[in-house]
Protein backbone atom coordinates (compact mmCIF):
# COMPACT_ATOMS: atom_id res chain seq x y z
CA MET A 1 18.48 -1.07 1.04
CA ALA A 2 18.51 -4.55 2.47
CA ARG A 3 15.12 -6.20 1.64
CA ILE A 4 12.62 -5.34 -1.32
CA ASP A 5 9.19 -6.93 -1.24
CA PHE A 6 7.57 -7.00 -4.54
CA TYR A 7 3.84 -6.80 -4.17
CA GLN A 8 1.64 -7.62 -7.40
CA LEU A 9 -1.55 -5.94 -7.41
CA SER A 10 -4.04 -8.25 -9.02
CA ARG A 11 -7.38 -7.84 -7.15
CA ASP A 12 -7.40 -4.72 -4.92
CA PRO A 13 -6.36 -1.11 -5.91
CA VAL A 14 -3.41 0.60 -4.42
CA GLU A 15 -5.81 2.75 -2.40
CA GLN A 16 -6.94 -0.16 -0.60
CA VAL A 17 -3.66 -2.01 -0.28
CA VAL A 18 -1.72 0.96 1.17
CA PRO A 19 -3.48 0.97 4.42
CA SER A 20 -3.44 -2.52 4.94
CA LEU A 21 0.38 -2.62 4.66
CA ALA A 22 0.50 0.72 6.54
CA ARG A 23 -1.37 -0.96 9.50
CA LYS A 24 1.19 -3.74 9.59
CA ALA A 25 4.12 -1.40 9.56
CA LEU A 26 2.91 0.56 12.31
CA ALA A 27 2.17 -2.63 14.33
CA SER A 28 5.82 -3.47 14.16
CA GLY A 29 6.69 -0.40 15.38
CA ALA A 30 8.20 1.11 12.38
CA ARG A 31 7.65 4.60 10.97
CA LEU A 32 6.51 4.42 6.98
CA ALA A 33 6.84 6.50 4.05
CA VAL A 34 4.31 6.15 1.35
CA VAL A 35 5.62 7.56 -2.12
CA HIS A 36 3.87 8.30 -5.05
CA ARG A 37 4.76 10.96 -7.67
CA ASP A 38 1.08 11.86 -8.64
CA THR A 39 -0.17 14.56 -6.07
CA ASP A 40 -4.10 13.59 -6.80
CA MET A 41 -3.17 9.80 -6.09
CA ARG A 42 -1.56 10.92 -2.79
CA ARG A 43 -4.65 12.78 -1.94
CA ARG A 44 -6.67 9.60 -2.65
CA LEU A 45 -4.13 7.64 -0.60
CA SER A 46 -4.54 10.17 2.38
CA ASP A 47 -8.23 9.87 2.32
CA ALA A 48 -7.78 5.70 2.22
CA LEU A 49 -5.72 6.16 5.21
CA TRP A 50 -7.96 8.33 7.12
CA ALA A 51 -10.83 6.12 6.23
CA ALA A 52 -9.21 2.78 7.13
CA GLU A 53 -11.24 -0.02 8.41
CA GLU A 54 -10.01 -0.56 12.17
CA CYS A 55 -9.08 2.95 12.89
CA PHE A 56 -7.60 6.02 10.95
CA LEU A 57 -4.14 5.95 10.28
CA ALA A 58 -2.41 9.44 11.38
CA HIS A 59 -0.38 10.60 8.51
CA GLY A 60 0.74 13.78 6.87
CA GLU A 61 2.57 15.42 3.68
CA ALA A 62 6.17 15.63 3.56
CA GLU A 63 5.88 19.22 2.76
CA GLY A 64 3.41 19.96 5.60
CA ASP A 65 3.99 21.00 8.99
CA HIS A 66 5.14 18.70 11.52
CA ALA A 67 6.12 16.04 8.78
CA ALA A 68 8.84 14.68 11.55
CA ARG A 69 5.99 13.82 14.05
CA GLN A 70 3.96 11.73 11.60
CA PRO A 71 4.09 7.95 11.78
CA ILE A 72 3.34 7.73 7.89
CA LEU A 73 4.59 10.42 5.81
CA LEU A 74 3.21 11.01 2.16
CA SER A 75 5.95 11.82 -0.41
CA GLY A 76 6.46 12.43 -4.13
CA GLU A 77 9.95 11.04 -3.77
CA GLY A 78 10.69 9.44 -0.45
CA ASP A 79 11.20 11.91 2.19
CA LEU A 80 12.74 10.79 5.32
CA ALA A 81 11.61 13.67 7.56
CA ASN A 82 9.72 11.20 10.04
CA GLY A 83 12.76 8.85 10.19
CA ALA A 84 10.74 6.08 8.24
CA THR A 85 12.53 2.62 8.03
CA ILE A 86 9.77 1.12 5.54
CA ALA A 87 8.92 2.68 2.12
CA VAL A 88 5.75 1.79 0.16
CA LEU A 89 6.38 2.52 -3.41
CA ALA A 90 2.90 3.09 -4.40
CA ASP A 91 3.64 4.07 -7.96
CA GLY A 92 5.66 1.00 -8.51
CA ASP A 93 8.40 3.30 -9.62
CA ILE A 94 12.27 2.24 -8.08
CA ARG A 95 14.06 5.50 -7.06
CA SER A 96 17.42 6.50 -5.66
CA ALA A 97 15.78 7.63 -2.33
CA ALA A 98 14.72 4.05 -1.82
CA GLU A 99 18.38 3.22 -0.74
CA GLN A 100 17.81 4.93 2.38
CA PHE A 101 14.93 2.53 3.80
CA ASP A 102 15.80 -0.83 5.66
CA ARG A 103 12.76 -2.17 3.76
CA VAL A 104 10.96 -1.21 0.59
CA LEU A 105 7.30 -2.51 -0.51
CA LEU A 106 7.29 -1.93 -4.29
CA LEU A 107 3.63 -2.00 -5.44
CA PHE A 108 2.82 -2.64 -9.10
CA GLY A 109 -0.32 -3.61 -11.17
CA ALA A 110 -0.44 -5.70 -14.55
CA GLU A 111 0.79 -2.72 -16.58
CA ARG A 112 4.06 -2.74 -14.71
CA THR A 113 4.71 -6.38 -14.26
CA ASP A 114 7.38 -6.33 -17.12
CA ALA A 115 9.15 -3.54 -15.71
CA ALA A 116 9.18 -5.30 -11.79
CA ARG A 117 10.24 -8.26 -13.67
CA ASP A 118 13.32 -6.49 -15.11
CA LEU A 119 13.93 -4.68 -11.56
CA TRP A 120 13.88 -8.23 -10.09
CA ARG A 121 16.43 -9.53 -12.34
CA ARG A 122 18.61 -6.23 -12.17
CA LEU A 123 18.63 -6.28 -8.30
CA GLY A 124 18.91 -10.06 -8.14
CA THR A 125 22.70 -10.03 -8.91
CA ALA A 126 25.48 -7.46 -7.96
CA ALA A 127 27.55 -5.75 -10.51
CA GLY A 128 30.14 -8.33 -12.00
CA GLY A 129 27.47 -11.39 -11.46
CA GLY A 130 28.43 -11.37 -7.65
CA THR A 131 25.58 -12.13 -4.88
CA SER A 132 22.96 -9.53 -4.59
CA ALA A 133 22.92 -6.73 -2.01
CA HIS A 134 19.25 -7.03 -1.81
CA GLU A 135 16.91 -9.54 -0.13
CA LEU A 136 14.07 -10.01 -2.57
CA HIS A 137 10.45 -11.32 -1.94
CA ILE A 138 7.42 -11.45 -4.18
CA PHE A 139 3.99 -11.28 -2.70
CA LYS A 140 0.94 -12.01 -4.57
CA GLN A 141 -2.84 -11.49 -3.78
CA GLY A 142 -5.29 -14.41 -3.72
CA PRO A 143 -8.78 -14.39 -4.49
CA ASP A 144 -9.95 -13.89 -1.00
CA GLY A 145 -7.45 -10.83 -0.89
CA THR A 146 -4.83 -12.32 1.54
CA TRP A 147 -1.21 -11.83 0.45
CA ARG A 148 1.15 -15.08 0.11
CA GLU A 149 4.58 -15.09 -0.74
CA GLY A 150 5.15 -16.50 -4.12
CA ARG A 151 8.03 -17.39 -6.28
């Protein structure tokens, strides 16, 4: 895993943020995995992707038929059946499967700020105090809904 982008959800819920991030990932030519352990939330994310503003965002479940053909794959753990290079960890939990992706977008709300901060520190330095194997970025949402890189 080379790059991890932390997205602090302060204004919009995850169901609004995921379609926006998915649209940008697809526009770059990447395939995407959207990961959330909760089945009901994956269902709501699926509904949000179908109802996206400009156009629906084609996707499927990792356990579904034709998973390999889907540009966006919804998964409970981070399935790579579609060859995704970007993962959106919509539940805010890092997992070992994240190591498979070139880029990880970790979404977290106010209730997970401390856990995200601890993860940032842990990933920021390699074991033994060396330099990190990860490129870390933080994005914060402004009052108008736009994202800007923070510190």
